[in-house]
C-alpha atoms as a PDB file:
ATOM      1  CA  MET A   1      48.651 114.359  44.590  1.00  0.00           C
ATOM      2  CA  ALA A   2      46.501 117.484  44.448  1.00  0.00           C
ATOM      3  CA  VAL A   3      43.838 118.851  42.222  1.00  0.00           C
ATOM      4  CA  GLY A   4      43.142 122.642  42.763  1.00  0.00           C
ATOM      5  CA  SER A   5      43.274 122.997  46.363  1.00  0.00           C
ATOM      6  CA  LEU A   6      42.085 119.366  47.048  1.00  0.00           C
ATOM      7  CA  ALA A   7      44.495 116.682  47.851  1.00  0.00           C
ATOM      8  CA  ALA A   8      44.986 113.033  48.355  1.00  0.00           C
ATOM      9  CA  CYS A   9      47.821 110.732  48.879  1.00  0.00           C
ATOM     10  CA  ARG A  10      48.641 106.872  48.808  1.00  0.00           C
ATOM     11  CA  GLY A  11      51.210 104.386  49.666  1.00  0.00           C
ATOM     12  CA  ILE A  12      52.108 100.787  48.934  1.00  0.00           C
ATOM     13  CA  PHE A  13      53.805  98.394  51.274  1.00  0.00           C
ATOM     14  CA  ARG A  14      55.922  95.575  49.856  1.00  0.00           C
ATOM     15  CA  ASP A  15      58.117  93.101  51.021  1.00  0.00           C
ATOM     16  CA  PHE A  16      61.708  92.253  50.057  1.00  0.00           C
ATOM     17  CA  GLN A  17      60.482  90.158  47.042  1.00  0.00           C
ATOM     18  CA  ASP A  18      58.154  92.922  45.914  1.00  0.00           C
ATOM     19  CA  ASN A  19      54.897  91.264  47.002  1.00  0.00           C
ATOM     20  CA  HIS A  20      52.032  93.532  48.224  1.00  0.00           C
ATOM     21  CA  ILE A  21      51.549  93.565  51.937  1.00  0.00           C
ATOM     22  CA  LEU A  22      49.329  96.601  52.388  1.00  0.00           C
ATOM     23  CA  SER A  23      48.196  99.755  50.763  1.00  0.00           C
ATOM     24  CA  PHE A  24      46.208 102.900  51.233  1.00  0.00           C
ATOM     25  CA  SER A  25      44.565 105.855  49.742  1.00  0.00           C
ATOM     26  CA  ALA A  26      43.563 108.866  51.577  1.00  0.00           C
ATOM     27  CA  TYR A  27      41.438 111.728  50.757  1.00  0.00           C
ATOM     28  CA  LEU A  28      42.967 114.882  52.663  1.00  0.00           C
ATOM     29  CA  GLY A  29      40.694 117.688  51.651  1.00  0.00           C
ATOM     30  CA  GLU A  30      42.146 121.064  51.305  1.00  0.00           C
ATOM     31  CA  GLY A  31      45.949 120.959  50.831  1.00  0.00           C
ATOM     32  CA  SER A  32      49.017 121.436  48.691  1.00  0.00           C
ATOM     33  CA  PRO A  33      50.861 118.654  46.862  1.00  0.00           C
ATOM     34  CA  VAL A  34      53.774 119.121  49.005  1.00  0.00           C
ATOM     35  CA  THR A  35      51.706 118.670  52.021  1.00  0.00           C
ATOM     36  CA  ALA A  36      50.145 115.520  50.433  1.00  0.00           C
ATOM     37  CA  GLU A  37      53.571 114.109  49.857  1.00  0.00           C
ATOM     38  CA  PHE A  38      54.744 114.622  53.452  1.00  0.00           C
ATOM     39  CA  LEU A  39      51.610 113.291  54.875  1.00  0.00           C
ATOM     40  CA  ALA A  40      51.897 110.077  52.762  1.00  0.00           C
ATOM     41  CA  VAL A  41      55.347 109.521  54.291  1.00  0.00           C
ATOM     42  CA  ILE A  42      53.977 110.195  57.835  1.00  0.00           C
ATOM     43  CA  ILE A  43      51.107 107.748  57.356  1.00  0.00           C
ATOM     44  CA  VAL A  44      53.542 105.149  56.209  1.00  0.00           C
ATOM     45  CA  ILE A  45      56.075 105.635  59.216  1.00  0.00           C
ATOM     46  CA  GLU A  46      53.075 105.807  61.652  1.00  0.00           C
ATOM     47  CA  LYS A  47      51.825 102.336  60.190  1.00  0.00           C
ATOM     48  CA  ALA A  48      55.285 100.828  60.485  1.00  0.00           C
ATOM     49  CA  LYS A  49      55.511 101.855  64.094  1.00  0.00           C
ATOM     50  CA  GLN A  50      52.090 100.527  64.669  1.00  0.00           C
ATOM     51  CA  MET A  51      53.172  97.206  63.151  1.00  0.00           C
ATOM     52  CA  LYS A  52      56.324  97.283  65.080  1.00  0.00           C
ATOM     53  CA  TRP A  53      58.389  97.008  61.914  1.00  0.00           C
ATOM     54  CA  ASN A  54      61.985  97.494  62.577  1.00  0.00           C
ATOM     55  CA  LYS A  55      63.069  97.678  58.845  1.00  0.00           C
ATOM     56  CA  LEU A  56      61.640 100.340  56.508  1.00  0.00           C
ATOM     57  CA  TRP A  57      62.724 101.484  53.130  1.00  0.00           C
ATOM     58  CA  ILE A  58      60.599 104.266  51.605  1.00  0.00           C
ATOM     59  CA  GLU A  59      60.627 105.243  47.983  1.00  0.00           C
ATOM     60  CA  THR A  60      59.244 108.517  46.900  1.00  0.00           C
ATOM     61  CA  ASP A  61      59.268 110.817  43.882  1.00  0.00           C
ATOM     62  CA  CYS A  62      59.424 113.902  46.092  1.00  0.00           C
ATOM     63  CA  LYS A  63      62.924 115.099  46.441  1.00  0.00           C
ATOM     64  CA  LEU A  64      61.800 117.572  49.210  1.00  0.00           C
ATOM     65  CA  VAL A  65      60.601 114.695  51.461  1.00  0.00           C
ATOM     66  CA  VAL A  66      64.029 113.090  51.083  1.00  0.00           C
ATOM     67  CA  LYS A  67      65.729 116.206  52.024  1.00  0.00           C
ATOM     68  CA  ALA A  68      63.509 116.938  54.955  1.00  0.00           C
ATOM     69  CA  PHE A  69      65.164 113.860  56.816  1.00  0.00           C
ATOM     70  CA  SER A  70      68.289 115.868  57.040  1.00  0.00           C
ATOM     71  CA  ASN A  71      66.625 119.121  57.428  1.00  0.00           C
ATOM     72  CA  VAL A  72      63.384 119.172  59.339  1.00  0.00           C
ATOM     73  CA  ASN A  73      62.906 122.951  58.699  1.00  0.00           C
ATOM     74  CA  LEU A  74      61.751 121.916  55.163  1.00  0.00           C
ATOM     75  CA  VAL A  75      58.428 120.294  56.610  1.00  0.00           C
ATOM     76  CA  PRO A  76      55.361 122.400  56.436  1.00  0.00           C
ATOM     77  CA  TRP A  77      54.602 124.041  59.705  1.00  0.00           C
ATOM     78  CA  LYS A  78      51.049 122.726  60.250  1.00  0.00           C
ATOM     79  CA  ILE A  79      52.465 119.036  60.176  1.00  0.00           C
ATOM     80  CA  HIS A  80      55.871 119.686  61.839  1.00  0.00           C
ATOM     81  CA  SER A  81      55.169 118.146  65.187  1.00  0.00           C
ATOM     82  CA  ARG A  82      53.623 114.973  63.572  1.00  0.00           C
ATOM     83  CA  TRP A  83      56.634 114.724  61.281  1.00  0.00           C
ATOM     84  CA  LEU A  84      59.140 115.052  64.274  1.00  0.00           C
ATOM     85  CA  MET A  85      57.539 112.136  65.950  1.00  0.00           C
ATOM     86  CA  CYS A  86      57.944 109.956  62.671  1.00  0.00           C
ATOM     87  CA  TRP A  87      61.415 111.333  62.190  1.00  0.00           C
ATOM     88  CA  ALA A  88      62.419 110.198  65.708  1.00  0.00           C
ATOM     89  CA  TYR A  89      61.094 106.690  65.035  1.00  0.00           C
ATOM     90  CA  THR A  90      63.228 106.398  61.983  1.00  0.00           C
ATOM     91  CA  LEU A  91      66.288 107.090  64.176  1.00  0.00           C
ATOM     92  CA  ILE A  92      65.706 103.909  66.187  1.00  0.00           C
ATOM     93  CA  ILE A  93      65.003 101.524  63.219  1.00  0.00           C
ATOM     94  CA  ASP A  94      66.853 100.305  60.227  1.00  0.00           C
ATOM     95  CA  PHE A  95      65.554 103.149  57.969  1.00  0.00           C
ATOM     96  CA  ARG A  96      66.229 104.229  54.428  1.00  0.00           C
ATOM     97  CA  ILE A  97      64.541 106.689  52.282  1.00  0.00           C
ATOM     98  CA  THR A  98      65.402 107.151  48.634  1.00  0.00           C
ATOM     99  CA  HIS A  99      64.199 109.134  45.622  1.00  0.00           C
ATOM    100  CA  ILE A 100      62.654 107.397  42.601  1.00  0.00           C
ATOM    101  CA  PHE A 101      61.580 108.881  39.295  1.00  0.00           C
ATOM    102  CA  ARG A 102      57.927 109.334  38.872  1.00  0.00           C
ATOM    103  CA  GLU A 103      57.803 106.714  36.201  1.00  0.00           C
ATOM    104  CA  ALA A 104      58.889 104.099  38.744  1.00  0.00           C
ATOM    105  CA  ASN A 105      55.914 105.027  40.975  1.00  0.00           C
ATOM    106  CA  PHE A 106      53.321 104.712  38.234  1.00  0.00           C
ATOM    107  CA  TYR A 107      50.589 102.550  39.864  1.00  0.00           C
ATOM    108  CA  ALA A 108      50.749 104.652  43.213  1.00  0.00           C
ATOM    109  CA  GLY A 109      48.963 107.461  41.400  1.00  0.00           C
ATOM    110  CA  PHE A 110      45.913 105.478  40.802  1.00  0.00           C
ATOM    111  CA  LEU A 111      45.574 104.808  44.570  1.00  0.00           C
ATOM    112  CA  ALA A 112      45.365 108.677  45.123  1.00  0.00           C
ATOM    113  CA  ASN A 113      42.508 108.771  42.461  1.00  0.00           C
ATOM    114  CA  ILE A 114      40.642 106.177  44.555  1.00  0.00           C
ATOM    115  CA  GLY A 115      41.005 108.554  47.588  1.00  0.00           C
ATOM    116  CA  PHE A 116      39.674 111.512  45.648  1.00  0.00           C
ATOM    117  CA  LYS A 117      36.839 109.576  44.312  1.00  0.00           C
ATOM    118  CA  SER A 118      35.819 108.041  47.650  1.00  0.00           C
ATOM    119  CA  LYS A 119      36.493 110.956  49.688  1.00  0.00           C
ATOM    120  CA  SER A 120      37.738 108.666  52.276  1.00  0.00           C
ATOM    121  CA  PHE A 121      40.831 106.941  53.944  1.00  0.00           C
ATOM    122  CA  SER A 122      40.931 103.261  52.887  1.00  0.00           C
ATOM    123  CA  TRP A 123      43.399 100.498  53.700  1.00  0.00           C
ATOM    124  CA  PHE A 124      43.807  97.546  51.296  1.00  0.00           C
ATOM    125  CA  SER A 125      45.185  94.120  52.438  1.00  0.00           C
ATOM    126  CA  TYR A 126      44.944  93.130  48.696  1.00  0.00           C
ATOM    127  CA  VAL A 127      46.101  94.706  45.374  1.00  0.00           C
ATOM    128  CA  HIS A 128      43.192  96.989  44.480  1.00  0.00           C
ATOM    129  CA  LYS A 129      41.431  95.967  41.307  1.00  0.00           C
ATOM    130  CA  ASP A 130      42.151  99.359  39.728  1.00  0.00           C
ATOM    131  CA  ILE A 131      45.902  98.823  40.043  1.00  0.00           C
ATOM    132  CA  THR A 132      46.296  95.115  39.480  1.00  0.00           C
ATOM    133  CA  GLU A 133      47.619  95.354  35.917  1.00  0.00           C
ATOM    134  CA  ASP A 134      50.065  98.213  36.737  1.00  0.00           C
ATOM    135  CA  TYR A 135      51.229  96.376  39.882  1.00  0.00           C
ATOM    136  CA  LEU A 136      52.043  93.274  38.001  1.00  0.00           C
ATOM    137  CA  LEU A 137      53.887  95.188  35.241  1.00  0.00           C
ATOM    138  CA  ASP A 138      55.949  96.883  38.047  1.00  0.00           C
ATOM    139  CA  LYS A 139      56.679  93.697  39.904  1.00  0.00           C
ATOM    140  CA  ASN A 140      57.755  91.982  36.893  1.00  0.00           C
ATOM    141  CA  GLY A 141      60.098  94.877  36.045  1.00  0.00           C
ATOM    142  CA  THR A 142      58.397  95.836  32.712  1.00  0.00           C
ATOM    143  CA  PRO A 143      59.641  99.162  31.488  1.00  0.00           C
ATOM    144  CA  ARG A 144      56.868 101.860  30.890  1.00  0.00           C
ATOM    145  CA  LEU A 145      56.917 105.499  29.863  1.00  0.00           C
ATOM    146  CA  ARG A 146      54.577 108.108  31.034  1.00  0.00           C
ATOM    147  CA  LEU A 147      53.427 110.439  28.447  1.00  0.00           C
ATOM    148  CA  CYS A 148      52.425 113.945  29.053  1.00  0.00           C
ATOM    149  CA  ALA A 149      50.484 116.116  26.719  1.00  0.00           C
END
């Protein structure tokens, strides 16, 4: 997510029953929305590697990120080497990445806003109070629409 030339990203780790494990919000400073999407996935993969998780399924609303796993030349140059390290890790674990529509990624946007406001990188071992309601609606499968004016 980016506003002007400032960017933030976010991620939420859930288990197979959709329970919250960990989430993060990160202020990135200057950057493009595309770079923010790639950095979110990089942070997720780096954390999975640190935790020694051997199964990882990433859902993203950025088709370019999904395509980058079959064509690394799509990755912005300034993060290319970091991407390659993460990509290599995905080759030795049970890994899947899929595209989801933005509406299915509803509450993750709120975490990026937390990063913008705090101008920091934060890990949450709990469902952040600003996203609790949206998290529960998502977990229960409640359909929602995103209206754009």
